[in-house]
Amino acid sequence: MLFIYAQAVRNELRAPATISRGEAVILLVAPVGIWLVYRVINSSFATAFDASTLYLYKKLGTEQIPLNQVNKIKFTMFRVGYQHYWKIGYFDAANQQQSVRIIPSVQLQAFEQAVRQKNPRVEVSNWSHSFDFDQ
């Protein structure tokens, strides 16, 4: 983006200020892409679980979610390195639908089994595609 800006400034000194369509698209799309990546990374937390509770370790403290409140475990296309994010949907204390994105450890199958014991109606999706907008 800095290069495009420098080109625009250089061109402005030579001729009337014009930006090509390609430059305009990059200037508009790049900040949106950076914001989306920030939101995905910022919305993930370190996690742990036991037989009855999912623990989310956040900056401001630990949030505890009873496993019987978890209603969705969903694979997403976003990933860091070779690890994909998973979206966990749950109902909070006010019975409002919430979700959190996590990068699970190798214990994902154990977590899924623990949730199924507490909530047999949990929706589990182990696949996703690029047209799935619920990431």
N, C-alpha and C. Protein backbone atom coordinates (compact mmCIF):
# COMPACT_ATOMS: atom_id res chain seq x y z
N MET A 1 0.82 -1.17 0.00
CA MET A 1 0.00 0.00 0.00
C MET A 1 0.87 1.25 0.00
N LEU A 2 1.98 1.16 0.71
CA LEU A 2 2.89 2.30 0.74
C LEU A 2 3.44 2.57 -0.66
N PHE A 3 3.74 1.50 -1.39
CA PHE A 3 4.24 1.65 -2.76
C PHE A 3 3.19 2.34 -3.64
N ILE A 4 1.93 1.92 -3.54
CA ILE A 4 0.86 2.53 -4.34
C ILE A 4 0.71 4.00 -3.99
N TYR A 5 0.77 4.29 -2.68
CA TYR A 5 0.68 5.69 -2.24
C TYR A 5 1.84 6.51 -2.82
N ALA A 6 3.04 5.94 -2.77
CA ALA A 6 4.20 6.66 -3.30
C ALA A 6 4.04 6.89 -4.80
N GLN A 7 3.52 5.89 -5.52
CA GLN A 7 3.29 6.05 -6.95
C GLN A 7 2.26 7.16 -7.21
N ALA A 8 1.21 7.18 -6.42
CA ALA A 8 0.17 8.21 -6.60
C ALA A 8 0.74 9.60 -6.35
N VAL A 9 1.58 9.74 -5.32
CA VAL A 9 2.19 11.04 -5.02
C VAL A 9 3.13 11.44 -6.15
N ARG A 10 3.91 10.49 -6.62
CA ARG A 10 4.84 10.79 -7.72
C ARG A 10 4.08 11.20 -8.98
N ASN A 11 3.00 10.46 -9.28
CA ASN A 11 2.20 10.79 -10.45
C ASN A 11 1.50 12.14 -10.28
N GLU A 12 1.12 12.46 -9.07
CA GLU A 12 0.45 13.74 -8.82
C GLU A 12 1.39 14.91 -9.10
N LEU A 13 2.66 14.73 -8.82
CA LEU A 13 3.62 15.79 -9.10
C LEU A 13 3.81 15.99 -10.59
N ARG A 14 3.63 14.92 -11.38
CA ARG A 14 3.82 15.01 -12.82
C ARG A 14 2.58 15.44 -13.57
N ALA A 15 1.43 14.95 -13.13
CA ALA A 15 0.19 15.17 -13.88
C ALA A 15 -0.97 15.29 -12.91
N PRO A 16 -2.17 15.56 -13.43
CA PRO A 16 -3.34 15.59 -12.54
C PRO A 16 -3.49 14.27 -11.78
N ALA A 17 -3.96 14.36 -10.56
CA ALA A 17 -4.06 13.18 -9.70
C ALA A 17 -5.10 12.20 -10.23
N THR A 18 -4.62 11.03 -10.63
CA THR A 18 -5.52 9.97 -11.05
C THR A 18 -5.02 8.66 -10.46
N ILE A 19 -5.93 7.85 -10.04
CA ILE A 19 -5.60 6.54 -9.51
C ILE A 19 -6.30 5.53 -10.40
N SER A 20 -5.56 4.52 -10.83
CA SER A 20 -6.15 3.50 -11.70
C SER A 20 -7.17 2.68 -10.91
N ARG A 21 -8.00 1.95 -11.63
CA ARG A 21 -9.01 1.10 -10.96
C ARG A 21 -8.35 0.05 -10.09
N GLY A 22 -7.27 -0.52 -10.58
CA GLY A 22 -6.57 -1.55 -9.80
C GLY A 22 -6.04 -0.99 -8.48
N GLU A 23 -5.45 0.19 -8.53
CA GLU A 23 -4.96 0.82 -7.31
C GLU A 23 -6.10 1.14 -6.37
N ALA A 24 -7.22 1.60 -6.89
CA ALA A 24 -8.37 1.93 -6.06
C ALA A 24 -8.93 0.69 -5.38
N VAL A 25 -8.99 -0.42 -6.11
CA VAL A 25 -9.50 -1.67 -5.54
C VAL A 25 -8.58 -2.12 -4.41
N ILE A 26 -7.27 -2.06 -4.64
CA ILE A 26 -6.32 -2.48 -3.60
C ILE A 26 -6.44 -1.57 -2.38
N LEU A 27 -6.57 -0.27 -2.60
CA LEU A 27 -6.69 0.66 -1.48
C LEU A 27 -7.97 0.44 -0.68
N LEU A 28 -9.02 -0.05 -1.33
CA LEU A 28 -10.27 -0.31 -0.62
C LEU A 28 -10.33 -1.70 0.00
N VAL A 29 -9.79 -2.70 -0.68
CA VAL A 29 -9.91 -4.09 -0.22
C VAL A 29 -8.88 -4.44 0.85
N ALA A 30 -7.68 -3.92 0.76
CA ALA A 30 -6.62 -4.27 1.71
C ALA A 30 -6.99 -3.97 3.16
N PRO A 31 -7.51 -2.79 3.50
CA PRO A 31 -7.87 -2.54 4.90
C PRO A 31 -8.99 -3.47 5.39
N VAL A 32 -9.93 -3.79 4.52
CA VAL A 32 -11.01 -4.70 4.92
C VAL A 32 -10.44 -6.09 5.21
N GLY A 33 -9.54 -6.55 4.36
CA GLY A 33 -8.91 -7.85 4.58
C GLY A 33 -8.10 -7.88 5.86
N ILE A 34 -7.35 -6.83 6.12
CA ILE A 34 -6.57 -6.76 7.36
C ILE A 34 -7.50 -6.76 8.58
N TRP A 35 -8.61 -6.04 8.50
CA TRP A 35 -9.58 -6.00 9.60
C TRP A 35 -10.18 -7.39 9.83
N LEU A 36 -10.52 -8.12 8.77
CA LEU A 36 -11.10 -9.46 8.93
C LEU A 36 -10.12 -10.42 9.59
N VAL A 37 -8.86 -10.39 9.16
CA VAL A 37 -7.84 -11.25 9.77
C VAL A 37 -7.68 -10.89 11.25
N TYR A 38 -7.64 -9.61 11.57
CA TYR A 38 -7.55 -9.18 12.97
C TYR A 38 -8.72 -9.71 13.80
N ARG A 39 -9.95 -9.60 13.26
CA ARG A 39 -11.14 -10.06 13.99
C ARG A 39 -11.09 -11.57 14.26
N VAL A 40 -10.65 -12.33 13.29
CA VAL A 40 -10.58 -13.78 13.46
C VAL A 40 -9.54 -14.14 14.50
N ILE A 41 -8.36 -13.54 14.42
CA ILE A 41 -7.31 -13.86 15.39
C ILE A 41 -7.66 -13.34 16.77
N ASN A 42 -8.24 -12.16 16.86
CA ASN A 42 -8.58 -11.56 18.15
C ASN A 42 -9.74 -12.27 18.83
N SER A 43 -10.57 -12.98 18.07
CA SER A 43 -11.73 -13.63 18.68
C SER A 43 -11.45 -15.06 19.11
N SER A 44 -10.20 -15.50 19.05
CA SER A 44 -9.88 -16.86 19.49
C SER A 44 -9.24 -16.81 20.87
N PHE A 45 -9.40 -17.90 21.62
CA PHE A 45 -8.94 -17.95 22.99
C PHE A 45 -8.25 -19.28 23.28
N ALA A 46 -7.43 -19.30 24.29
CA ALA A 46 -6.90 -20.56 24.80
C ALA A 46 -8.05 -21.25 25.54
N THR A 47 -8.11 -22.55 25.45
CA THR A 47 -9.24 -23.27 26.04
C THR A 47 -8.77 -24.50 26.79
N ALA A 48 -9.66 -24.97 27.64
CA ALA A 48 -9.51 -26.25 28.32
C ALA A 48 -10.93 -26.71 28.65
N PHE A 49 -11.08 -27.98 28.99
CA PHE A 49 -12.40 -28.47 29.35
C PHE A 49 -12.25 -29.65 30.30
N ASP A 50 -13.33 -29.89 31.03
CA ASP A 50 -13.42 -31.10 31.85
C ASP A 50 -14.76 -31.76 31.52
N ALA A 51 -15.24 -32.63 32.36
CA ALA A 51 -16.45 -33.39 32.06
C ALA A 51 -17.71 -32.53 32.01
N SER A 52 -17.68 -31.33 32.58
CA SER A 52 -18.89 -30.53 32.61
C SER A 52 -18.74 -29.09 32.14
N THR A 53 -17.52 -28.60 31.92
CA THR A 53 -17.31 -27.18 31.65
C THR A 53 -16.24 -26.95 30.59
N LEU A 54 -16.48 -25.96 29.73
CA LEU A 54 -15.48 -25.46 28.79
C LEU A 54 -14.92 -24.17 29.38
N TYR A 55 -13.61 -24.06 29.47
CA TYR A 55 -12.96 -22.89 30.03
C TYR A 55 -12.32 -22.08 28.91
N LEU A 56 -12.66 -20.80 28.83
CA LEU A 56 -12.06 -19.88 27.87
C LEU A 56 -11.16 -18.93 28.64
N TYR A 57 -9.87 -18.99 28.37
CA TYR A 57 -8.91 -18.14 29.06
C TYR A 57 -8.74 -16.86 28.25
N LYS A 58 -9.36 -15.78 28.73
CA LYS A 58 -9.33 -14.49 28.05
C LYS A 58 -8.39 -13.54 28.79
N LYS A 59 -8.16 -12.39 28.20
CA LYS A 59 -7.28 -11.40 28.82
C LYS A 59 -7.83 -10.91 30.16
N LEU A 60 -9.16 -10.80 30.25
CA LEU A 60 -9.78 -10.24 31.45
C LEU A 60 -10.19 -11.30 32.47
N GLY A 61 -9.89 -12.56 32.21
CA GLY A 61 -10.25 -13.61 33.14
C GLY A 61 -10.70 -14.86 32.40
N THR A 62 -11.19 -15.81 33.16
CA THR A 62 -11.62 -17.09 32.61
C THR A 62 -13.13 -17.13 32.54
N GLU A 63 -13.65 -17.47 31.36
CA GLU A 63 -15.09 -17.66 31.20
C GLU A 63 -15.38 -19.15 31.24
N GLN A 64 -16.39 -19.54 32.01
CA GLN A 64 -16.76 -20.94 32.13
C GLN A 64 -18.10 -21.17 31.44
N ILE A 65 -18.12 -22.14 30.53
CA ILE A 65 -19.34 -22.45 29.78
C ILE A 65 -19.72 -23.90 30.08
N PRO A 66 -20.89 -24.14 30.67
CA PRO A 66 -21.32 -25.52 30.89
C PRO A 66 -21.47 -26.24 29.54
N LEU A 67 -21.01 -27.48 29.48
CA LEU A 67 -21.05 -28.22 28.21
C LEU A 67 -22.47 -28.47 27.73
N ASN A 68 -23.44 -28.49 28.65
CA ASN A 68 -24.82 -28.70 28.20
C ASN A 68 -25.38 -27.45 27.49
N GLN A 69 -24.67 -26.31 27.57
CA GLN A 69 -25.07 -25.09 26.87
C GLN A 69 -24.47 -24.99 25.47
N VAL A 70 -23.50 -25.86 25.16
CA VAL A 70 -22.86 -25.86 23.84
C VAL A 70 -23.83 -26.51 22.85
N ASN A 71 -24.16 -25.78 21.77
CA ASN A 71 -25.11 -26.33 20.80
C ASN A 71 -24.52 -26.49 19.41
N LYS A 72 -23.28 -26.03 19.17
CA LYS A 72 -22.69 -26.16 17.85
C LYS A 72 -21.17 -26.26 17.94
N ILE A 73 -20.61 -27.20 17.20
CA ILE A 73 -19.17 -27.33 17.03
C ILE A 73 -18.95 -27.38 15.53
N LYS A 74 -18.27 -26.37 14.99
CA LYS A 74 -18.21 -26.23 13.54
C LYS A 74 -16.78 -25.98 13.07
N PHE A 75 -16.35 -26.76 12.09
CA PHE A 75 -15.08 -26.58 11.41
C PHE A 75 -15.16 -25.32 10.53
N THR A 76 -14.11 -24.51 10.51
CA THR A 76 -14.09 -23.33 9.64
C THR A 76 -12.90 -23.42 8.69
N MET A 77 -12.93 -22.60 7.66
CA MET A 77 -11.85 -22.57 6.67
C MET A 77 -10.66 -21.75 7.14
N PHE A 78 -10.83 -20.89 8.14
CA PHE A 78 -9.72 -20.08 8.64
C PHE A 78 -8.74 -20.97 9.38
N ARG A 79 -7.46 -20.66 9.22
CA ARG A 79 -6.45 -21.45 9.92
C ARG A 79 -5.20 -20.62 10.17
N VAL A 80 -4.43 -21.09 11.12
CA VAL A 80 -3.13 -20.53 11.41
C VAL A 80 -2.14 -21.68 11.25
N GLY A 81 -1.25 -21.54 10.32
CA GLY A 81 -0.36 -22.65 10.00
C GLY A 81 -1.19 -23.80 9.45
N TYR A 82 -1.09 -24.96 10.10
CA TYR A 82 -1.85 -26.13 9.66
C TYR A 82 -3.04 -26.41 10.57
N GLN A 83 -3.32 -25.54 11.52
CA GLN A 83 -4.42 -25.76 12.45
C GLN A 83 -5.60 -24.87 12.07
N HIS A 84 -6.75 -25.50 11.89
CA HIS A 84 -7.96 -24.78 11.54
C HIS A 84 -8.66 -24.28 12.80
N TYR A 85 -9.34 -23.15 12.64
CA TYR A 85 -10.20 -22.65 13.71
C TYR A 85 -11.49 -23.46 13.73
N TRP A 86 -12.05 -23.62 14.90
CA TRP A 86 -13.36 -24.24 15.08
C TRP A 86 -14.26 -23.21 15.74
N LYS A 87 -15.50 -23.15 15.33
CA LYS A 87 -16.46 -22.21 15.92
C LYS A 87 -17.34 -22.99 16.88
N ILE A 88 -17.35 -22.56 18.12
CA ILE A 88 -18.15 -23.19 19.17
C ILE A 88 -19.32 -22.26 19.48
N GLY A 89 -20.53 -22.75 19.28
CA GLY A 89 -21.73 -21.97 19.59
C GLY A 89 -22.31 -22.43 20.93
N TYR A 90 -22.76 -21.47 21.73
CA TYR A 90 -23.30 -21.81 23.05
C TYR A 90 -24.29 -20.74 23.48
N PHE A 91 -25.07 -21.08 24.51
CA PHE A 91 -25.98 -20.12 25.13
C PHE A 91 -25.36 -19.63 26.43
N ASP A 92 -25.33 -18.30 26.61
CA ASP A 92 -24.75 -17.74 27.82
C ASP A 92 -25.76 -17.75 28.97
N ALA A 93 -25.40 -17.14 30.09
CA ALA A 93 -26.26 -17.14 31.28
C ALA A 93 -27.59 -16.44 31.02
N ALA A 94 -27.64 -15.48 30.09
CA ALA A 94 -28.87 -14.76 29.76
C ALA A 94 -29.64 -15.46 28.64
N ASN A 95 -29.24 -16.69 28.29
CA ASN A 95 -29.86 -17.50 27.25
C ASN A 95 -29.76 -16.84 25.87
N GLN A 96 -28.68 -16.10 25.64
CA GLN A 96 -28.39 -15.48 24.35
C GLN A 96 -27.36 -16.33 23.60
N GLN A 97 -27.58 -16.49 22.30
CA GLN A 97 -26.64 -17.26 21.48
C GLN A 97 -25.31 -16.53 21.37
N GLN A 98 -24.23 -17.19 21.68
CA GLN A 98 -22.88 -16.65 21.59
C GLN A 98 -22.03 -17.63 20.80
N SER A 99 -20.88 -17.19 20.36
CA SER A 99 -19.95 -18.10 19.70
C SER A 99 -18.52 -17.65 19.98
N VAL A 100 -17.62 -18.59 19.88
CA VAL A 100 -16.21 -18.33 20.08
C VAL A 100 -15.44 -19.18 19.09
N ARG A 101 -14.33 -18.65 18.58
CA ARG A 101 -13.49 -19.40 17.67
C ARG A 101 -12.26 -19.86 18.43
N ILE A 102 -11.93 -21.13 18.26
CA ILE A 102 -10.78 -21.68 18.97
C ILE A 102 -9.92 -22.46 18.00
N ILE A 103 -8.66 -22.58 18.33
CA ILE A 103 -7.78 -23.54 17.66
C ILE A 103 -7.63 -24.67 18.67
N PRO A 104 -8.27 -25.80 18.41
CA PRO A 104 -8.25 -26.88 19.40
C PRO A 104 -6.92 -27.61 19.40
N SER A 105 -6.67 -28.25 20.52
CA SER A 105 -5.52 -29.13 20.59
C SER A 105 -5.95 -30.49 20.04
N VAL A 106 -5.17 -31.50 20.25
CA VAL A 106 -5.50 -32.82 19.74
C VAL A 106 -6.70 -33.42 20.49
N GLN A 107 -7.22 -32.73 21.48
CA GLN A 107 -8.33 -33.23 22.29
C GLN A 107 -9.70 -32.89 21.72
N LEU A 108 -9.79 -32.48 20.46
CA LEU A 108 -11.08 -32.09 19.90
C LEU A 108 -12.09 -33.23 19.94
N GLN A 109 -11.67 -34.45 19.64
CA GLN A 109 -12.60 -35.58 19.68
C GLN A 109 -13.09 -35.84 21.10
N ALA A 110 -12.22 -35.71 22.07
CA ALA A 110 -12.63 -35.89 23.47
C ALA A 110 -13.61 -34.80 23.88
N PHE A 111 -13.37 -33.56 23.41
CA PHE A 111 -14.29 -32.47 23.69
C PHE A 111 -15.65 -32.74 23.07
N GLU A 112 -15.66 -33.18 21.82
CA GLU A 112 -16.91 -33.49 21.14
C GLU A 112 -17.69 -34.59 21.88
N GLN A 113 -17.00 -35.61 22.35
CA GLN A 113 -17.66 -36.69 23.10
C GLN A 113 -18.21 -36.18 24.43
N ALA A 114 -17.45 -35.33 25.11
CA ALA A 114 -17.92 -34.78 26.39
C ALA A 114 -19.16 -33.91 26.18
N VAL A 115 -19.19 -33.13 25.10
CA VAL A 115 -20.36 -32.30 24.81
C VAL A 115 -21.55 -33.18 24.46
N ARG A 116 -21.33 -34.22 23.67
CA ARG A 116 -22.42 -35.13 23.30
C ARG A 116 -23.03 -35.82 24.52
N GLN A 117 -22.23 -36.09 25.53
CA GLN A 117 -22.77 -36.69 26.76
C GLN A 117 -23.68 -35.72 27.49
N LYS A 118 -23.33 -34.45 27.48
CA LYS A 118 -24.13 -33.44 28.18
C LYS A 118 -25.27 -32.90 27.33
N ASN A 119 -25.07 -32.83 26.00
CA ASN A 119 -26.08 -32.31 25.09
C ASN A 119 -26.10 -33.17 23.83
N PRO A 120 -26.92 -34.22 23.79
CA PRO A 120 -26.93 -35.11 22.63
C PRO A 120 -27.39 -34.43 21.33
N ARG A 121 -28.06 -33.29 21.42
CA ARG A 121 -28.55 -32.60 20.22
C ARG A 121 -27.54 -31.62 19.64
N VAL A 122 -26.32 -31.63 20.10
CA VAL A 122 -25.31 -30.70 19.59
C VAL A 122 -25.09 -30.96 18.10
N GLU A 123 -24.96 -29.86 17.34
CA GLU A 123 -24.68 -29.94 15.91
C GLU A 123 -23.16 -29.93 15.72
N VAL A 124 -22.65 -30.94 15.04
CA VAL A 124 -21.21 -31.02 14.79
C VAL A 124 -21.00 -31.05 13.28
N SER A 125 -20.18 -30.13 12.79
CA SER A 125 -19.84 -30.07 11.38
C SER A 125 -18.33 -30.20 11.25
N ASN A 126 -17.88 -31.30 10.65
CA ASN A 126 -16.44 -31.55 10.52
C ASN A 126 -15.88 -31.12 9.17
N TRP A 127 -16.62 -30.37 8.41
CA TRP A 127 -16.15 -29.90 7.11
C TRP A 127 -16.73 -28.51 6.84
N SER A 128 -16.11 -27.82 5.90
CA SER A 128 -16.58 -26.51 5.49
C SER A 128 -16.10 -26.28 4.07
N HIS A 129 -16.67 -25.31 3.40
CA HIS A 129 -16.22 -24.94 2.06
C HIS A 129 -16.15 -23.43 1.96
N SER A 130 -15.57 -22.95 0.89
CA SER A 130 -15.32 -21.51 0.77
C SER A 130 -16.58 -20.67 0.64
N PHE A 131 -17.72 -21.27 0.29
CA PHE A 131 -18.96 -20.53 0.18
C PHE A 131 -19.75 -20.52 1.48
N ASP A 132 -19.19 -21.08 2.54
CA ASP A 132 -19.84 -21.12 3.84
C ASP A 132 -19.53 -19.80 4.55
N PHE A 133 -20.52 -18.94 4.67
CA PHE A 133 -20.30 -17.61 5.23
C PHE A 133 -20.40 -17.57 6.75
N ASP A 134 -20.69 -18.69 7.39
CA ASP A 134 -20.77 -18.76 8.85
C ASP A 134 -19.42 -19.21 9.39
N GLN A 135 -18.40 -18.44 9.12
CA GLN A 135 -17.06 -18.80 9.55
C GLN A 135 -16.78 -18.15 10.88
